[in-house]
Amino acid sequence: MKACIWLLPVIWVLPASGAWTLYQTEVDVFANLTDQGQKAGHPDSTHPVFYLPVISDFMPVGGAYPRERSKLSENAIAHRVALALSRQGYYLAHLGLRVNAQKEVAYADGTVVTVPEVPNLRRPIILNQPGDIPLTMAMLESASGRYSLRIGDRIGHALSPFLQVLRTVDPVHGPVMQGMPEIALAIQYGVMGATMGDLGGTAAEMPDFNIGPMIALIAGDSIKGDAFTLKFEDVDDIIQRTKSDRYFIIVTAYDFRSYIKDHKKTQLWRTRMSLPSTLGMDFGRALPILLNAGESRLGRQSTHPEFSTVPLEKGRVEIGTPEVIDYQEVPTPPPDVGSDTFMPFHFGAKR
């Protein structure tokens, strides 16, 4: 009698934790807070900070091959960022002009704003002087009037009578513009390549021309100058991470009032978030992962890069007919009250 040997298939059982091995990524966050930002402090539930967003286009920085632009609209990206910011006490400023029943621009106490009928473009405009006329919405909306919204495009915004009026804060009646933001937020996003471009040869032969911006993206200023706070092995880990292309979003806060008053760009803080773009995902899928990891560092200070491993499935954006999964409304602060009418005002220029 011949013995029969049955060959049974071997089934490998992986532990539950191992199932995430191929479905996770590492997110890096680094936050800078300037001296001016420290003085300004961080918002809380009783003292929110209002901001004006300036959002860029999708930015492909360097890289050895062409990249697809983000399919997400600017509105979808701005909404995601606004949601993360609101949980940290930063709210979108709703700019507006108070007007009375006669469509005259008024201060918060109801006093009508009066302006020179013929402004001198060589001198700063002084409001509420004897002989001045009421500033009306018709004057602002006219195609070619002296206080037209459009005149700044022709003579330069620094000389625009309209913008001079908007910047004015009367010592008795307060600001002309209501809902004036405290900070301007520059929102930059895109993909950064490990090399600057296709120079020929294999990837291993390409010099790291983009290593400086890559290090700044991953480690901020923790790797240079007096701010050097890392050990040698930490620096080596950072250098290794510069070898892969990375999706990023960078949020930078500037003092808005300083810019309006003195035309100075005073940086308050900057938060950088990035992750490898080599996992087959598009930017739409990467965006919520980046913000989930980095929102708690908005307006904060880091002493070293903060790396965290997260599952890719957590929050997603599907692209086709644009549809944002787990959509939430951004909380709004109490409305501006106390005027007959509150006319929304929008800065149309995109930087």
Protein backbone atom coordinates (compact mmCIF):
# COMPACT_ATOMS: atom_id res chain seq x y z
CA MET A 1 0.00 0.00 0.00
CA LYS A 2 1.40 3.28 -1.07
CA ALA A 3 1.34 6.14 1.29
CA CYS A 4 -0.43 9.24 0.06
CA ILE A 5 1.03 12.57 0.94
CA TRP A 6 -1.40 15.45 0.86
CA LEU A 7 0.09 18.88 0.33
CA LEU A 8 -2.05 21.42 2.09
CA PRO A 9 -1.83 25.05 1.13
CA VAL A 10 -0.08 27.22 3.68
CA ILE A 11 -2.09 30.23 4.77
CA TRP A 12 -0.11 33.07 6.29
CA VAL A 13 -2.06 34.99 8.88
CA LEU A 14 -0.87 38.53 9.44
CA PRO A 15 -1.53 40.31 12.70
CA ALA A 16 -4.16 43.00 12.55
CA SER A 17 -1.58 45.75 13.05
CA GLY A 18 0.40 44.56 10.03
CA ALA A 19 -2.55 45.18 7.76
CA TRP A 20 -1.78 48.91 7.84
CA THR A 21 1.78 48.51 6.60
CA LEU A 22 0.99 49.44 2.99
CA TYR A 23 -1.79 51.90 3.84
CA GLN A 24 -0.10 54.50 5.95
CA THR A 25 2.14 57.48 5.43
CA GLU A 26 4.38 59.75 7.43
CA VAL A 27 3.40 63.40 7.79
CA ASP A 28 5.90 66.10 8.75
CA VAL A 29 4.93 69.35 10.47
CA PHE A 30 7.17 72.26 11.38
CA ALA A 31 5.96 75.57 12.83
CA ASN A 32 7.78 78.91 13.25
CA LEU A 33 6.65 81.72 15.56
CA THR A 34 8.42 85.09 15.27
CA ASP A 35 9.03 87.54 18.11
CA GLN A 36 6.12 89.63 16.82
CA GLY A 37 3.96 86.51 16.75
CA GLN A 38 4.80 85.72 20.35
CA LYS A 39 3.76 89.23 21.38
CA ALA A 40 0.47 88.87 19.50
CA GLY A 41 -0.33 85.65 21.37
CA HIS A 42 -2.54 82.72 20.36
CA PRO A 43 -6.33 83.04 20.03
CA ASP A 44 -8.77 81.31 22.35
CA SER A 45 -12.54 80.92 22.60
CA THR A 46 -12.99 84.36 24.14
CA HIS A 47 -10.40 86.18 22.01
CA PRO A 48 -10.58 84.92 18.40
CA VAL A 49 -8.32 86.26 15.66
CA PHE A 50 -9.81 87.31 12.32
CA TYR A 51 -7.90 86.81 9.07
CA LEU A 52 -7.99 87.66 5.36
CA PRO A 53 -6.89 84.71 3.18
CA VAL A 54 -4.64 85.04 0.12
CA ILE A 55 -4.47 81.68 -1.64
CA SER A 56 -1.98 80.72 -4.36
CA ASP A 57 -2.39 78.42 -7.35
CA PHE A 58 -1.14 74.83 -7.16
CA MET A 59 2.68 75.08 -7.12
CA PRO A 60 4.89 72.38 -8.70
CA VAL A 61 8.33 73.25 -7.30
CA GLY A 62 11.22 71.52 -9.08
CA GLY A 63 10.95 67.87 -10.01
CA ALA A 64 12.24 65.62 -12.76
CA TYR A 65 8.89 64.98 -14.49
CA PRO A 66 5.71 66.89 -15.28
CA ARG A 67 3.04 66.86 -12.57
CA GLU A 68 -0.70 67.11 -12.70
CA ARG A 69 -2.21 70.22 -11.20
CA SER A 70 -4.53 69.79 -8.26
CA LYS A 71 -8.11 69.01 -9.29
CA LEU A 72 -9.44 70.65 -6.15
CA SER A 73 -10.91 74.13 -6.55
CA GLU A 74 -9.52 77.03 -4.57
CA ASN A 75 -12.83 77.19 -2.70
CA ALA A 76 -12.51 73.54 -1.61
CA ILE A 77 -8.95 74.11 -0.40
CA ALA A 78 -9.85 77.38 1.34
CA HIS A 79 -12.77 75.62 3.06
CA ARG A 80 -10.57 72.82 4.37
CA VAL A 81 -8.02 75.30 5.67
CA ALA A 82 -10.72 77.52 7.20
CA LEU A 83 -12.19 74.55 9.05
CA ALA A 84 -8.79 73.68 10.56
CA LEU A 85 -8.12 77.32 11.45
CA SER A 86 -11.51 77.77 13.13
CA ARG A 87 -10.74 74.94 15.54
CA GLN A 88 -7.66 76.92 16.61
CA GLY A 89 -9.52 80.21 17.11
CA TYR A 90 -8.82 81.81 13.70
CA TYR A 91 -11.90 83.03 11.82
CA LEU A 92 -12.43 84.44 8.35
CA ALA A 93 -12.98 88.19 8.54
CA HIS A 94 -16.16 89.44 6.88
CA LEU A 95 -15.20 92.89 5.66
CA GLY A 96 -17.91 95.43 5.15
CA LEU A 97 -18.98 99.06 5.12
CA ARG A 98 -21.77 100.37 7.33
CA VAL A 99 -24.26 102.45 5.35
CA ASN A 100 -27.40 104.23 6.39
CA ALA A 101 -30.78 104.42 4.68
CA GLN A 102 -29.43 107.10 2.31
CA LYS A 103 -26.60 104.75 1.22
CA GLU A 104 -24.02 106.94 2.95
CA VAL A 105 -20.99 105.25 4.50
CA ALA A 106 -21.10 105.55 8.29
CA TYR A 107 -18.96 104.79 11.32
CA ALA A 108 -20.09 102.26 13.92
CA ASP A 109 -21.71 105.05 15.96
CA GLY A 110 -23.82 106.14 12.98
CA THR A 111 -21.80 109.26 12.11
CA VAL A 112 -21.52 109.73 8.34
CA VAL A 113 -18.02 109.58 6.83
CA THR A 114 -17.26 112.82 4.97
CA VAL A 115 -14.46 113.30 2.43
CA PRO A 116 -12.96 116.13 0.34
CA GLU A 117 -14.99 116.58 -2.84
CA VAL A 118 -11.73 116.87 -4.82
CA PRO A 119 -9.00 114.82 -3.10
CA ASN A 120 -5.38 115.92 -3.49
CA LEU A 121 -3.53 112.80 -4.67
CA ARG A 122 -0.21 114.27 -3.49
CA ARG A 123 -1.27 114.49 0.14
CA PRO A 124 -2.90 112.08 2.60
CA ILE A 125 -6.66 112.46 2.77
CA ILE A 126 -8.00 113.90 6.03
CA LEU A 127 -11.63 113.02 6.71
CA ASN A 128 -14.48 114.92 8.35
CA GLN A 129 -13.23 118.43 7.64
CA PRO A 130 -15.46 121.52 7.16
CA GLY A 131 -16.76 121.62 3.59
CA ASP A 132 -16.43 117.84 3.07
CA ILE A 133 -19.21 115.84 1.41
CA PRO A 134 -20.75 112.52 2.55
CA LEU A 135 -19.10 109.40 1.13
CA THR A 136 -21.78 107.33 -0.63
CA MET A 137 -21.94 103.87 -2.16
CA ALA A 138 -22.68 105.52 -5.50
CA MET A 139 -19.30 107.28 -5.34
CA LEU A 140 -17.52 104.00 -4.60
CA GLU A 141 -19.32 102.05 -7.31
CA SER A 142 -19.00 104.62 -10.10
CA ALA A 143 -16.90 103.71 -13.11
CA SER A 144 -14.61 106.75 -13.06
CA GLY A 145 -15.39 108.88 -10.00
CA ARG A 146 -12.69 110.24 -7.71
CA TYR A 147 -13.52 107.64 -5.02
CA SER A 148 -14.19 104.79 -7.44
CA LEU A 149 -13.15 101.28 -6.44
CA ARG A 150 -11.48 100.98 -9.84
CA ILE A 151 -9.28 104.06 -9.72
CA GLY A 152 -6.52 102.23 -7.81
CA ASP A 153 -5.84 100.04 -10.84
CA ARG A 154 -5.06 103.16 -12.87
CA ILE A 155 -3.13 105.42 -10.48
CA GLY A 156 -1.68 102.89 -8.05
CA HIS A 157 -3.28 101.60 -4.89
CA ALA A 158 -1.01 103.64 -2.61
CA LEU A 159 -2.55 106.84 -4.03
CA SER A 160 -6.11 105.57 -4.37
CA PRO A 161 -8.44 107.89 -2.40
CA PHE A 162 -10.78 104.96 -1.79
CA LEU A 163 -8.08 102.84 -0.13
CA GLN A 164 -6.84 105.82 1.85
CA VAL A 165 -10.35 106.21 3.26
CA LEU A 166 -10.62 102.50 4.06
CA ARG A 167 -7.35 102.62 6.01
CA THR A 168 -8.47 105.55 8.14
CA VAL A 169 -9.21 105.05 11.83
CA ASP A 170 -10.82 108.19 13.24
CA PRO A 171 -9.74 108.91 16.86
CA VAL A 172 -13.37 109.62 17.83
CA HIS A 173 -15.48 107.39 15.59
CA GLY A 174 -13.16 104.43 14.95
CA PRO A 175 -12.40 102.66 11.64
CA VAL A 176 -14.25 103.28 8.38
CA MET A 177 -13.92 99.64 7.36
CA GLN A 178 -15.75 97.25 9.68
CA GLY A 179 -14.61 93.69 10.36
CA MET A 180 -11.00 94.65 9.72
CA PRO A 181 -8.84 91.50 9.95
CA GLU A 182 -5.89 91.30 12.32
CA ILE A 183 -3.79 89.01 10.12
CA ALA A 184 -3.43 88.13 6.45
CA LEU A 185 -2.88 84.43 5.75
CA ALA A 186 -0.87 83.37 2.71
CA ILE A 187 -1.88 79.79 1.79
CA GLN A 188 0.56 77.99 -0.53
CA TYR A 189 0.16 74.39 -1.64
CA GLY A 190 1.56 72.03 -4.24
CA VAL A 191 4.27 69.44 -4.74
CA MET A 192 8.03 69.86 -4.25
CA GLY A 193 10.41 67.71 -6.26
CA ALA A 194 13.54 66.17 -4.83
CA THR A 195 15.49 67.64 -7.81
CA MET A 196 15.05 70.88 -9.73
CA GLY A 197 14.38 69.40 -13.16
CA ASP A 198 15.16 66.79 -15.80
CA LEU A 199 18.89 67.12 -16.36
CA GLY A 200 19.30 63.77 -18.08
CA GLY A 201 20.67 60.55 -16.65
CA THR A 202 19.20 58.37 -13.95
CA ALA A 203 17.64 59.61 -10.74
CA ALA A 204 20.69 58.43 -8.80
CA GLU A 205 22.91 60.63 -10.98
CA MET A 206 20.89 63.79 -10.53
CA PRO A 207 22.36 66.36 -8.13
CA ASP A 208 20.12 67.55 -5.31
CA PHE A 209 19.70 71.13 -6.54
CA ASN A 210 16.46 71.40 -4.57
CA ILE A 211 17.86 70.16 -1.26
CA GLY A 212 17.83 73.64 0.34
CA PRO A 213 14.08 74.27 -0.17
CA MET A 214 13.42 70.64 0.78
CA ILE A 215 15.25 71.02 4.10
CA ALA A 216 13.38 74.29 4.77
CA LEU A 217 10.08 72.53 4.04
CA ILE A 218 10.81 69.62 6.38
CA ALA A 219 12.85 71.23 9.17
CA GLY A 220 12.27 74.98 8.94
CA ASP A 221 15.10 76.85 10.67
CA SER A 222 15.90 74.08 13.17
CA ILE A 223 18.83 72.91 11.06
CA LYS A 224 20.73 76.16 10.56
CA GLY A 225 22.36 79.05 12.35
CA ASP A 226 21.72 79.89 15.99
CA ALA A 227 18.46 77.91 15.88
CA PHE A 228 20.31 74.59 15.37
CA THR A 229 18.64 72.24 17.84
CA LEU A 230 19.07 68.80 16.28
CA LYS A 231 21.39 65.89 16.86
CA PHE A 232 23.52 64.47 14.04
CA GLU A 233 21.23 61.46 13.60
CA ASP A 234 18.21 63.78 13.38
CA VAL A 235 19.87 65.73 10.59
CA ASP A 236 20.62 62.48 8.75
CA ASP A 237 16.95 61.48 9.00
CA ILE A 238 15.92 64.83 7.53
CA ILE A 239 18.40 64.53 4.65
CA GLN A 240 17.02 61.07 3.84
CA ARG A 241 13.50 62.48 3.64
CA THR A 242 14.58 65.07 1.07
CA LYS A 243 15.09 62.26 -1.45
CA SER A 244 11.36 61.87 -2.11
CA ASP A 245 8.97 64.30 -3.76
CA ARG A 246 6.54 65.79 -1.26
CA TYR A 247 3.05 67.29 -1.27
CA PHE A 248 2.92 70.37 0.93
CA ILE A 249 0.72 73.12 2.31
CA ILE A 250 2.26 76.18 3.96
CA VAL A 251 0.23 78.70 5.94
CA THR A 252 1.96 82.01 6.75
CA ALA A 253 0.46 84.76 8.91
CA TYR A 254 1.32 88.46 8.46
CA ASP A 255 0.24 91.44 10.53
CA PHE A 256 -2.56 92.92 8.41
CA ARG A 257 -2.80 96.23 10.23
CA SER A 258 0.93 96.81 9.83
CA TYR A 259 0.61 96.21 6.10
CA ILE A 260 -2.36 98.56 5.72
CA LYS A 261 -0.76 101.31 7.78
CA ASP A 262 2.92 101.12 6.81
CA HIS A 263 2.95 98.72 3.81
CA LYS A 264 5.26 96.38 5.75
CA LYS A 265 5.08 92.59 5.56
CA THR A 266 5.55 91.61 9.20
CA GLN A 267 5.52 87.83 9.55
CA LEU A 268 3.92 86.45 12.70
CA TRP A 269 4.09 82.69 12.14
CA ARG A 270 4.45 79.98 9.52
CA THR A 271 3.36 76.34 9.62
CA ARG A 272 4.68 73.85 7.06
CA MET A 273 2.99 70.47 6.46
CA SER A 274 4.25 67.87 3.99
CA LEU A 275 4.19 64.16 3.14
CA PRO A 276 5.68 61.93 0.42
CA SER A 277 3.82 62.19 -2.90
CA THR A 278 5.18 58.86 -4.12
CA LEU A 279 2.35 56.65 -2.78
CA GLY A 280 0.02 56.93 -5.76
CA MET A 281 -2.25 59.54 -4.17
CA ASP A 282 -3.21 62.92 -5.60
CA PHE A 283 -3.16 66.21 -3.72
CA GLY A 284 -6.88 66.04 -3.03
CA ARG A 285 -6.35 62.92 -0.97
CA ALA A 286 -3.27 64.32 0.75
CA LEU A 287 -4.84 67.64 1.82
CA PRO A 288 -7.04 66.42 4.73
CA ILE A 289 -4.18 64.23 5.99
CA LEU A 290 -1.82 67.21 6.03
CA LEU A 291 -4.31 69.45 7.83
CA ASN A 292 -5.34 66.81 10.36
CA ALA A 293 -1.68 66.42 11.34
CA GLY A 294 -0.81 70.12 11.33
CA GLU A 295 -3.80 72.10 12.55
CA SER A 296 -2.77 71.98 16.22
CA ARG A 297 0.54 73.65 15.23
CA LEU A 298 -1.03 76.62 13.45
CA GLY A 299 0.29 79.74 15.15
CA ARG A 300 2.64 77.70 17.37
CA GLN A 301 6.39 77.08 17.63
CA SER A 302 8.32 73.88 16.89
CA THR A 303 11.86 73.10 18.04
CA HIS A 304 12.23 70.14 15.68
CA PRO A 305 10.32 68.48 12.81
CA GLU A 306 7.32 66.55 14.09
CA PHE A 307 6.83 63.26 12.23
CA SER A 308 3.67 61.19 12.67
CA THR A 309 2.47 58.02 10.96
CA VAL A 310 -1.18 58.07 9.94
CA PRO A 311 -3.48 55.72 7.96
CA LEU A 312 -4.28 56.86 4.44
CA GLU A 313 -7.94 55.97 4.82
CA LYS A 314 -8.59 58.67 7.44
CA GLY A 315 -10.58 61.35 5.60
CA ARG A 316 -10.56 61.43 1.82
CA VAL A 317 -11.45 63.62 -1.12
CA GLU A 318 -12.75 61.86 -4.23
CA ILE A 319 -12.25 63.56 -7.55
CA GLY A 320 -14.71 63.15 -10.38
CA THR A 321 -17.65 65.36 -9.96
CA PRO A 322 -16.00 67.27 -7.10
CA GLU A 323 -17.32 65.86 -3.84
CA VAL A 324 -15.77 66.48 -0.47
CA ILE A 325 -16.31 63.63 1.97
CA ASP A 326 -17.05 64.47 5.64
CA TYR A 327 -17.89 68.08 4.70
CA GLN A 328 -18.49 70.41 7.63
CA GLU A 329 -19.61 73.99 7.86
CA VAL A 330 -17.00 76.42 9.14
CA PRO A 331 -18.18 77.97 12.43
CA THR A 332 -18.90 81.68 12.15
CA PRO A 333 -18.34 84.28 14.85
CA PRO A 334 -21.22 86.51 16.03
CA PRO A 335 -22.42 88.83 13.23
CA ASP A 336 -21.49 92.49 13.13
CA VAL A 337 -24.51 94.39 14.41
CA GLY A 338 -25.53 97.96 15.12
CA SER A 339 -25.90 99.46 11.62
CA ASP A 340 -28.83 99.97 9.28
CA THR A 341 -27.12 97.97 6.56
CA PHE A 342 -23.85 96.05 6.41
CA MET A 343 -22.48 96.03 2.87
CA PRO A 344 -20.07 93.13 2.23
CA PHE A 345 -16.78 94.15 0.68
CA HIS A 346 -14.37 91.83 -1.13
CA PHE A 347 -10.72 92.27 -2.13
CA GLY A 348 -10.75 90.78 -5.63
CA ALA A 349 -7.00 90.64 -6.30
CA LYS A 350 -5.36 87.22 -6.08
CA ARG A 351 -1.70 87.07 -5.15
